[in-house]
Protein backbone atom coordinates (compact mmCIF):
# COMPACT_ATOMS: atom_id res chain seq x y z
CA MET A 1 -42.22 8.61 20.98
CA GLN A 2 -43.15 11.00 18.42
CA GLY A 3 -45.67 14.09 19.42
CA ALA A 4 -48.55 15.31 17.27
CA GLY A 5 -46.16 17.08 15.27
CA ILE A 6 -44.92 15.70 12.05
CA MET A 7 -42.17 13.21 11.54
CA VAL A 8 -38.86 15.11 10.85
CA LEU A 9 -36.39 12.37 10.36
CA LEU A 10 -35.45 12.61 6.84
CA ARG A 11 -32.77 10.29 5.14
CA PHE A 12 -30.86 11.09 2.02
CA LYS A 13 -32.44 8.09 0.19
CA ASP A 14 -35.97 9.53 1.10
CA ILE A 15 -35.21 12.93 -0.18
CA GLN A 16 -33.73 11.40 -3.54
CA LYS A 17 -37.38 9.83 -4.04
CA MET A 18 -39.13 13.03 -3.77
CA ASN A 19 -39.73 15.25 -6.76
CA ASP A 20 -38.79 18.91 -6.68
CA LYS A 21 -42.20 19.91 -5.72
CA GLU A 22 -42.27 17.53 -2.79
CA ARG A 23 -39.12 18.92 -1.64
CA LYS A 24 -40.03 22.42 -1.77
CA GLU A 25 -43.38 21.71 0.05
CA LYS A 26 -41.46 19.68 2.69
CA ILE A 27 -39.10 22.62 3.28
CA LYS A 28 -42.19 25.10 3.86
CA GLU A 29 -43.79 22.58 6.06
CA LEU A 30 -40.75 22.02 8.40
CA LYS A 31 -40.16 25.86 8.45
CA PHE A 32 -43.79 26.49 9.66
CA GLU A 33 -43.14 23.66 12.16
CA LEU A 34 -40.26 25.61 13.50
CA ILE A 35 -42.64 28.74 13.80
CA LYS A 36 -45.02 26.84 15.49
CA ALA A 37 -42.36 25.46 18.22
CA GLY A 38 -41.46 29.04 18.96
CA VAL A 39 -37.63 28.48 18.09
CA ASN A 40 -35.46 31.22 19.77
CA PRO A 41 -32.23 31.79 18.23
CA GLY A 42 -30.24 30.96 21.34
CA ARG A 43 -32.18 28.04 22.56
CA ALA A 44 -32.89 24.68 20.86
CA ASN A 45 -34.12 21.37 22.03
CA SER A 46 -33.68 18.12 20.03
CA LYS A 47 -36.97 18.42 18.19
CA THR A 48 -35.99 21.87 16.79
CA LYS A 49 -32.44 20.62 16.11
CA GLU A 50 -33.70 17.64 14.10
CA ILE A 51 -36.07 19.93 12.19
CA LYS A 52 -33.19 22.33 11.33
CA ARG A 53 -31.27 19.27 10.09
CA ALA A 54 -33.89 18.03 7.89
CA ILE A 55 -34.30 21.56 6.39
CA SER A 56 -30.47 21.59 5.78
CA ARG A 57 -30.54 18.20 4.28
CA LEU A 58 -33.18 19.48 1.76
CA ILE A 59 -31.38 22.50 0.78
CA THR A 60 -28.21 20.69 0.32
CA PHE A 61 -29.80 18.15 -1.89
CA GLU A 62 -31.25 20.89 -3.92
CA ASN A 63 -27.91 22.70 -4.05
CA MET A 64 -25.94 19.72 -5.14
CA LYS A 65 -28.78 18.93 -7.92
CA SER A 66 -28.50 22.45 -9.22
CA GLY A 67 -24.67 22.13 -9.01
CA ASN A 68 -24.69 18.98 -10.94
CA GLU A 69 -26.83 20.51 -13.54
CA LYS A 70 -24.50 23.64 -13.86
CA LEU A 71 -21.44 21.20 -14.28
CA ASN A 72 -23.14 19.06 -16.93
CA ASN A 73 -24.20 22.28 -18.82
CA SER A 74 -20.84 23.83 -18.68
CA ALA A 75 -19.16 20.63 -19.79
CA GLN A 76 -21.61 20.30 -22.79
CA LYS A 77 -20.80 23.85 -23.66
CA LYS A 78 -16.95 23.19 -23.53
CA SER A 79 -17.50 20.04 -25.62
CA ALA A 80 -19.35 22.04 -28.21
CA LYS A 81 -16.63 24.72 -28.19
CA GLU A 82 -13.83 22.17 -28.80
CA GLU A 83 -15.78 20.63 -31.58
CA LEU A 84 -16.24 24.12 -33.32
CA LYS A 85 -12.23 24.68 -32.72
CA LYS A 86 -11.85 21.44 -34.61
CA LYS A 87 -13.66 22.39 -37.71
């Protein structure tokens, strides 16, 4: 049973459906939830572990997304350089 807090379980497909603003807002919300739970670095219960996992999933998705954009940009630059060399 879920308590009065927010539902934390986030799946990758749910994260994909969110836009950038929603993901950033969710990260802030989850971090605030950790603070409210009074998390100590050495101790964690199942709720705090799941909150941390959800934050990690969101951040990982953001990093993957930005990494893919960087790869696409570098690939475009590389193909543009190759075209210039051909001319």
